């Protein structure tokens, strides 16, 4: 191990021109690409359907339960749900107090 201190690297606090250009391009292209799908869905509707605020935009959902499961089949899911809820409550209450 070399302890002489000759192997020092100097860092600049300013980004390079390439890093600046990449950051600007990413900052512009990501929102542009993420807006394509919502714009296409809005353009696929007619103007009267898009403006009509009184009609619901969500579709109905039907749920059919075909077979009834016994409690022994549901018990692991219920236990995991209870443990997950207790874990969330513990994090919510104890994590902020441990930071202080």
C-alpha atoms as a PDB file:
ATOM      1  CA  UNK A   1       0.000   0.000   0.000  1.00  0.00           C
ATOM      2  CA  UNK A   2       1.436   3.345  -1.007  1.00  0.00           C
ATOM      3  CA  UNK A   3       1.099   5.937   1.776  1.00  0.00           C
ATOM      4  CA  UNK A   4       3.232   8.656   0.246  1.00  0.00           C
ATOM      5  CA  UNK A   5       0.251  10.720  -0.950  1.00  0.00           C
ATOM      6  CA  UNK A   6       1.540  10.959  -4.523  1.00  0.00           C
ATOM      7  CA  UNK A   7      -1.536   9.271  -5.950  1.00  0.00           C
ATOM      8  CA  UNK A   8      -4.011  12.099  -5.462  1.00  0.00           C
ATOM      9  CA  UNK A   9      -6.804  12.717  -7.943  1.00  0.00           C
ATOM     10  CA  UNK A  10      -8.134  16.222  -8.503  1.00  0.00           C
ATOM     11  CA  UNK A  11     -11.852  16.673  -9.055  1.00  0.00           C
ATOM     12  CA  UNK A  12     -13.562  19.661 -10.590  1.00  0.00           C
ATOM     13  CA  UNK A  13     -16.736  20.946  -8.990  1.00  0.00           C
ATOM     14  CA  UNK A  14     -18.124  21.926 -12.400  1.00  0.00           C
ATOM     15  CA  UNK A  15     -19.650  19.302 -14.686  1.00  0.00           C
ATOM     16  CA  UNK A  16     -18.139  18.741 -18.097  1.00  0.00           C
ATOM     17  CA  UNK A  17     -19.817  20.023 -21.246  1.00  0.00           C
ATOM     18  CA  UNK A  18     -20.791  16.470 -22.205  1.00  0.00           C
ATOM     19  CA  UNK A  19     -22.437  15.864 -18.810  1.00  0.00           C
ATOM     20  CA  UNK A  20     -24.340  19.138 -19.114  1.00  0.00           C
ATOM     21  CA  UNK A  21     -25.614  18.289 -22.598  1.00  0.00           C
ATOM     22  CA  UNK A  22     -26.637  14.774 -21.508  1.00  0.00           C
ATOM     23  CA  UNK A  23     -28.491  16.155 -18.481  1.00  0.00           C
ATOM     24  CA  UNK A  24     -30.357  18.688 -20.608  1.00  0.00           C
ATOM     25  CA  UNK A  25     -31.271  16.062 -23.206  1.00  0.00           C
ATOM     26  CA  UNK A  26     -32.501  13.621 -20.572  1.00  0.00           C
ATOM     27  CA  UNK A  27     -34.433  16.371 -18.813  1.00  0.00           C
ATOM     28  CA  UNK A  28     -36.202  17.199 -22.055  1.00  0.00           C
ATOM     29  CA  UNK A  29     -36.626  13.748 -23.607  1.00  0.00           C
ATOM     30  CA  UNK A  30     -37.980  11.819 -20.613  1.00  0.00           C
ATOM     31  CA  UNK A  31     -41.030  14.098 -20.120  1.00  0.00           C
ATOM     32  CA  UNK A  32     -41.554  14.197 -23.881  1.00  0.00           C
ATOM     33  CA  UNK A  33     -41.642  10.408 -24.186  1.00  0.00           C
ATOM     34  CA  UNK A  34     -43.750   9.968 -21.049  1.00  0.00           C
ATOM     35  CA  UNK A  35     -46.427  12.289 -22.446  1.00  0.00           C
ATOM     36  CA  UNK A  36     -46.897  10.368 -25.707  1.00  0.00           C
ATOM     37  CA  UNK A  37     -49.337   7.716 -24.363  1.00  0.00           C
ATOM     38  CA  UNK A  38     -51.661  10.173 -22.533  1.00  0.00           C
ATOM     39  CA  UNK A  39     -51.736  12.437 -25.594  1.00  0.00           C
ATOM     40  CA  UNK A  40     -52.586   9.502 -27.862  1.00  0.00           C
ATOM     41  CA  UNK A  41     -55.407   8.352 -25.568  1.00  0.00           C
ATOM     42  CA  UNK A  42     -56.786  11.897 -25.427  1.00  0.00           C
ATOM     43  CA  UNK A  43     -56.607  12.250 -29.202  1.00  0.00           C
ATOM     44  CA  UNK A  44     -58.420   8.940 -29.740  1.00  0.00           C
ATOM     45  CA  UNK A  45     -61.583  10.307 -28.095  1.00  0.00           C
ATOM     46  CA  UNK A  46     -63.983  12.693 -29.728  1.00  0.00           C
ATOM     47  CA  UNK A  47     -64.054  16.272 -28.499  1.00  0.00           C
ATOM     48  CA  UNK A  48     -67.530  15.930 -26.966  1.00  0.00           C
ATOM     49  CA  UNK A  49     -66.483  12.807 -25.013  1.00  0.00           C
ATOM     50  CA  UNK A  50     -63.325  14.504 -23.761  1.00  0.00           C
ATOM     51  CA  UNK A  51     -65.133  17.644 -22.572  1.00  0.00           C
ATOM     52  CA  UNK A  52     -68.155  15.887 -21.009  1.00  0.00           C
ATOM     53  CA  UNK A  53     -67.479  16.110 -17.259  1.00  0.00           C
ATOM     54  CA  UNK A  54     -70.828  14.694 -16.136  1.00  0.00           C
ATOM     55  CA  UNK A  55     -70.156  11.234 -17.526  1.00  0.00           C
ATOM     56  CA  UNK A  56     -67.914   8.883 -15.595  1.00  0.00           C
ATOM     57  CA  UNK A  57     -64.592   8.060 -17.233  1.00  0.00           C
ATOM     58  CA  UNK A  58     -64.120   4.812 -15.312  1.00  0.00           C
ATOM     59  CA  UNK A  59     -65.581   1.532 -16.382  1.00  0.00           C
ATOM     60  CA  UNK A  60     -67.582  -0.740 -14.103  1.00  0.00           C
ATOM     61  CA  UNK A  61     -66.018  -3.858 -12.613  1.00  0.00           C
ATOM     62  CA  UNK A  62     -67.790  -7.148 -11.935  1.00  0.00           C
ATOM     63  CA  UNK A  63     -66.260  -9.640  -9.527  1.00  0.00           C
ATOM     64  CA  UNK A  64     -67.512 -13.216  -9.517  1.00  0.00           C
ATOM     65  CA  UNK A  65     -66.446 -15.636  -6.804  1.00  0.00           C
ATOM     66  CA  UNK A  66     -66.639 -19.104  -8.285  1.00  0.00           C
ATOM     67  CA  UNK A  67     -65.509 -21.273  -5.396  1.00  0.00           C
ATOM     68  CA  UNK A  68     -65.319 -20.724  -1.690  1.00  0.00           C
ATOM     69  CA  UNK A  69     -61.989 -21.417  -0.046  1.00  0.00           C
ATOM     70  CA  UNK A  70     -61.725 -22.864   3.398  1.00  0.00           C
ATOM     71  CA  UNK A  71     -60.162 -20.898   6.243  1.00  0.00           C
ATOM     72  CA  UNK A  72     -57.062 -23.123   6.185  1.00  0.00           C
ATOM     73  CA  UNK A  73     -56.324 -21.987   2.631  1.00  0.00           C
ATOM     74  CA  UNK A  74     -56.821 -18.314   3.567  1.00  0.00           C
ATOM     75  CA  UNK A  75     -54.931 -18.424   6.881  1.00  0.00           C
ATOM     76  CA  UNK A  76     -51.429 -17.751   5.415  1.00  0.00           C
ATOM     77  CA  UNK A  77     -52.740 -14.726   3.524  1.00  0.00           C
ATOM     78  CA  UNK A  78     -54.471 -13.357   6.606  1.00  0.00           C
ATOM     79  CA  UNK A  79     -51.363 -13.928   8.760  1.00  0.00           C
ATOM     80  CA  UNK A  80     -49.135 -12.247   6.189  1.00  0.00           C
ATOM     81  CA  UNK A  81     -51.545  -9.302   5.979  1.00  0.00           C
ATOM     82  CA  UNK A  82     -51.588  -8.883   9.755  1.00  0.00           C
ATOM     83  CA  UNK A  83     -47.793  -9.122   9.978  1.00  0.00           C
ATOM     84  CA  UNK A  84     -47.408  -6.621   7.139  1.00  0.00           C
ATOM     85  CA  UNK A  85     -49.791  -4.188   8.823  1.00  0.00           C
ATOM     86  CA  UNK A  86     -47.985  -4.532  12.149  1.00  0.00           C
ATOM     87  CA  UNK A  87     -44.652  -3.980  10.417  1.00  0.00           C
ATOM     88  CA  UNK A  88     -45.996  -0.831   8.742  1.00  0.00           C
ATOM     89  CA  UNK A  89     -47.379   0.497  12.025  1.00  0.00           C
ATOM     90  CA  UNK A  90     -44.069  -0.205  13.771  1.00  0.00           C
ATOM     91  CA  UNK A  91     -42.123   1.636  11.063  1.00  0.00           C
ATOM     92  CA  UNK A  92     -44.589   4.539  11.167  1.00  0.00           C
ATOM     93  CA  UNK A  93     -44.292   4.992  14.939  1.00  0.00           C
ATOM     94  CA  UNK A  94     -40.780   3.847  15.841  1.00  0.00           C
ATOM     95  CA  UNK A  95     -38.662   5.036  12.892  1.00  0.00           C
ATOM     96  CA  UNK A  96     -39.268   8.785  13.439  1.00  0.00           C
ATOM     97  CA  UNK A  97     -38.548   8.441  17.161  1.00  0.00           C
ATOM     98  CA  UNK A  98     -35.325   6.545  16.457  1.00  0.00           C
ATOM     99  CA  UNK A  99     -34.090   9.330  14.176  1.00  0.00           C
ATOM    100  CA  UNK A 100     -34.521  12.002  16.856  1.00  0.00           C
END
